[in-house]
Amino acid sequence: MPLVAVPAIYDGEHVSFLEQPPVQGAYSVIVTFVEPVEDNDKRANAARFWASYGAWQDDRPAEVIVDDLRMTRRSRPEPPAL
């Protein structure tokens, strides 16, 4: 199995995952300390994630966006221009 990275916070005593690990059961792990965090960084990161979750910023009507997506995915008989 390839290595799987899951963001977490170490508070000096415990490791708290910021996301649900995509595995079950016992695993060997490698803990890498990336950078120190402020006390409120954990909450700020979670708030920033949830604020952007599912967000899509576009001023066009939904029908125009969907049509654009369909056009980019549609098969074309001519070869792509290089």
C-alpha atoms as a PDB file:
ATOM      1  CA  MET A   1       0.000   0.000   0.000  1.00  0.00           C
ATOM      2  CA  PRO A   2       1.348   3.475  -0.810  1.00  0.00           C
ATOM      3  CA  LEU A   3       1.918   6.000   1.945  1.00  0.00           C
ATOM      4  CA  VAL A   4      -1.184   7.982   2.898  1.00  0.00           C
ATOM      5  CA  ALA A   5      -0.852  11.467   4.407  1.00  0.00           C
ATOM      6  CA  VAL A   6      -3.506  12.815   6.764  1.00  0.00           C
ATOM      7  CA  PRO A   7      -3.191  16.299   8.301  1.00  0.00           C
ATOM      8  CA  ALA A   8      -3.148  16.357  12.094  1.00  0.00           C
ATOM      9  CA  ILE A   9      -2.281  18.553  15.071  1.00  0.00           C
ATOM     10  CA  TYR A  10      -0.052  17.496  17.954  1.00  0.00           C
ATOM     11  CA  ASP A  11      -0.880  19.454  21.120  1.00  0.00           C
ATOM     12  CA  GLY A  12       2.144  18.306  23.104  1.00  0.00           C
ATOM     13  CA  GLU A  13       0.388  15.164  24.352  1.00  0.00           C
ATOM     14  CA  HIS A  14      -2.009  13.858  21.710  1.00  0.00           C
ATOM     15  CA  VAL A  15      -2.298  13.718  17.927  1.00  0.00           C
ATOM     16  CA  SER A  16      -5.691  14.882  16.581  1.00  0.00           C
ATOM     17  CA  PHE A  17      -6.549  14.184  12.959  1.00  0.00           C
ATOM     18  CA  LEU A  18      -8.023  17.074  10.964  1.00  0.00           C
ATOM     19  CA  GLU A  19      -9.526  14.560   8.509  1.00  0.00           C
ATOM     20  CA  GLN A  20     -10.794  11.018   8.903  1.00  0.00           C
ATOM     21  CA  PRO A  21      -7.955   8.594   8.028  1.00  0.00           C
ATOM     22  CA  PRO A  22      -8.887   6.521   4.946  1.00  0.00           C
ATOM     23  CA  VAL A  23      -7.816   3.251   6.624  1.00  0.00           C
ATOM     24  CA  GLN A  24      -9.148   0.946   9.320  1.00  0.00           C
ATOM     25  CA  GLY A  25      -7.365  -1.242  11.802  1.00  0.00           C
ATOM     26  CA  ALA A  26      -3.836  -1.026  13.146  1.00  0.00           C
ATOM     27  CA  TYR A  27      -1.143   0.614  11.010  1.00  0.00           C
ATOM     28  CA  SER A  28       2.470   1.576  11.416  1.00  0.00           C
ATOM     29  CA  VAL A  29       2.751   5.343  11.037  1.00  0.00           C
ATOM     30  CA  ILE A  30       5.444   7.957  10.496  1.00  0.00           C
ATOM     31  CA  VAL A  31       4.836  11.249  12.264  1.00  0.00           C
ATOM     32  CA  THR A  32       6.428  14.307  10.635  1.00  0.00           C
ATOM     33  CA  PHE A  33       6.471  17.592  12.514  1.00  0.00           C
ATOM     34  CA  VAL A  34       6.034  20.254   9.818  1.00  0.00           C
ATOM     35  CA  GLU A  35       5.752  23.569  11.669  1.00  0.00           C
ATOM     36  CA  PRO A  36       4.531  24.946  14.982  1.00  0.00           C
ATOM     37  CA  VAL A  37       0.932  26.162  15.082  1.00  0.00           C
ATOM     38  CA  GLU A  38      -0.797  28.887  16.993  1.00  0.00           C
ATOM     39  CA  ASP A  39      -3.500  27.868  19.488  1.00  0.00           C
ATOM     40  CA  ASN A  40      -6.260  29.031  17.162  1.00  0.00           C
ATOM     41  CA  ASP A  41      -4.747  27.673  13.909  1.00  0.00           C
ATOM     42  CA  LYS A  42      -6.585  24.342  14.215  1.00  0.00           C
ATOM     43  CA  ARG A  43      -9.940  26.089  14.443  1.00  0.00           C
ATOM     44  CA  ALA A  44      -8.999  28.605  11.746  1.00  0.00           C
ATOM     45  CA  ASN A  45      -7.953  25.858   9.321  1.00  0.00           C
ATOM     46  CA  ALA A  46     -11.153  23.903   9.938  1.00  0.00           C
ATOM     47  CA  ALA A  47     -13.265  27.050   9.556  1.00  0.00           C
ATOM     48  CA  ARG A  48     -11.486  27.956   6.298  1.00  0.00           C
ATOM     49  CA  PHE A  49     -12.049  24.423   4.982  1.00  0.00           C
ATOM     50  CA  TRP A  50     -15.758  24.348   5.826  1.00  0.00           C
ATOM     51  CA  ALA A  51     -16.259  27.866   4.436  1.00  0.00           C
ATOM     52  CA  SER A  52     -14.880  26.735   1.074  1.00  0.00           C
ATOM     53  CA  TYR A  53     -16.378  23.239   1.085  1.00  0.00           C
ATOM     54  CA  GLY A  54     -18.383  22.818  -2.108  1.00  0.00           C
ATOM     55  CA  ALA A  55     -17.859  26.459  -3.044  1.00  0.00           C
ATOM     56  CA  TRP A  56     -17.840  27.533  -6.650  1.00  0.00           C
ATOM     57  CA  GLN A  57     -17.392  31.166  -7.543  1.00  0.00           C
ATOM     58  CA  ASP A  58     -18.774  32.103 -10.934  1.00  0.00           C
ATOM     59  CA  ASP A  59     -21.068  34.941 -11.963  1.00  0.00           C
ATOM     60  CA  ARG A  60     -22.524  33.086 -14.926  1.00  0.00           C
ATOM     61  CA  PRO A  61     -25.920  31.355 -14.771  1.00  0.00           C
ATOM     62  CA  ALA A  62     -25.819  27.641 -13.917  1.00  0.00           C
ATOM     63  CA  GLU A  63     -27.051  26.644 -17.393  1.00  0.00           C
ATOM     64  CA  VAL A  64     -24.105  28.417 -19.056  1.00  0.00           C
ATOM     65  CA  ILE A  65     -21.612  26.730 -16.718  1.00  0.00           C
ATOM     66  CA  VAL A  66     -23.125  23.298 -17.365  1.00  0.00           C
ATOM     67  CA  ASP A  67     -23.081  23.898 -21.135  1.00  0.00           C
ATOM     68  CA  ASP A  68     -19.404  24.903 -20.943  1.00  0.00           C
ATOM     69  CA  LEU A  69     -18.612  21.724 -18.996  1.00  0.00           C
ATOM     70  CA  ARG A  70     -20.453  19.602 -21.536  1.00  0.00           C
ATOM     71  CA  MET A  71     -18.611  21.240 -24.443  1.00  0.00           C
ATOM     72  CA  THR A  72     -15.214  20.578 -22.887  1.00  0.00           C
ATOM     73  CA  ARG A  73     -16.064  16.907 -22.308  1.00  0.00           C
ATOM     74  CA  ARG A  74     -17.735  16.212 -25.604  1.00  0.00           C
ATOM     75  CA  SER A  75     -15.904  13.942 -28.057  1.00  0.00           C
ATOM     76  CA  ARG A  76     -14.894  15.680 -31.259  1.00  0.00           C
ATOM     77  CA  PRO A  77     -14.113  14.042 -34.613  1.00  0.00           C
ATOM     78  CA  GLU A  78     -11.187  16.361 -35.398  1.00  0.00           C
ATOM     79  CA  PRO A  79      -7.820  15.838 -33.736  1.00  0.00           C
ATOM     80  CA  PRO A  80      -6.764  18.302 -31.060  1.00  0.00           C
ATOM     81  CA  ALA A  81      -4.869  21.394 -32.186  1.00  0.00           C
ATOM     82  CA  LEU A  82      -1.292  21.430 -30.998  1.00  0.00           C
END
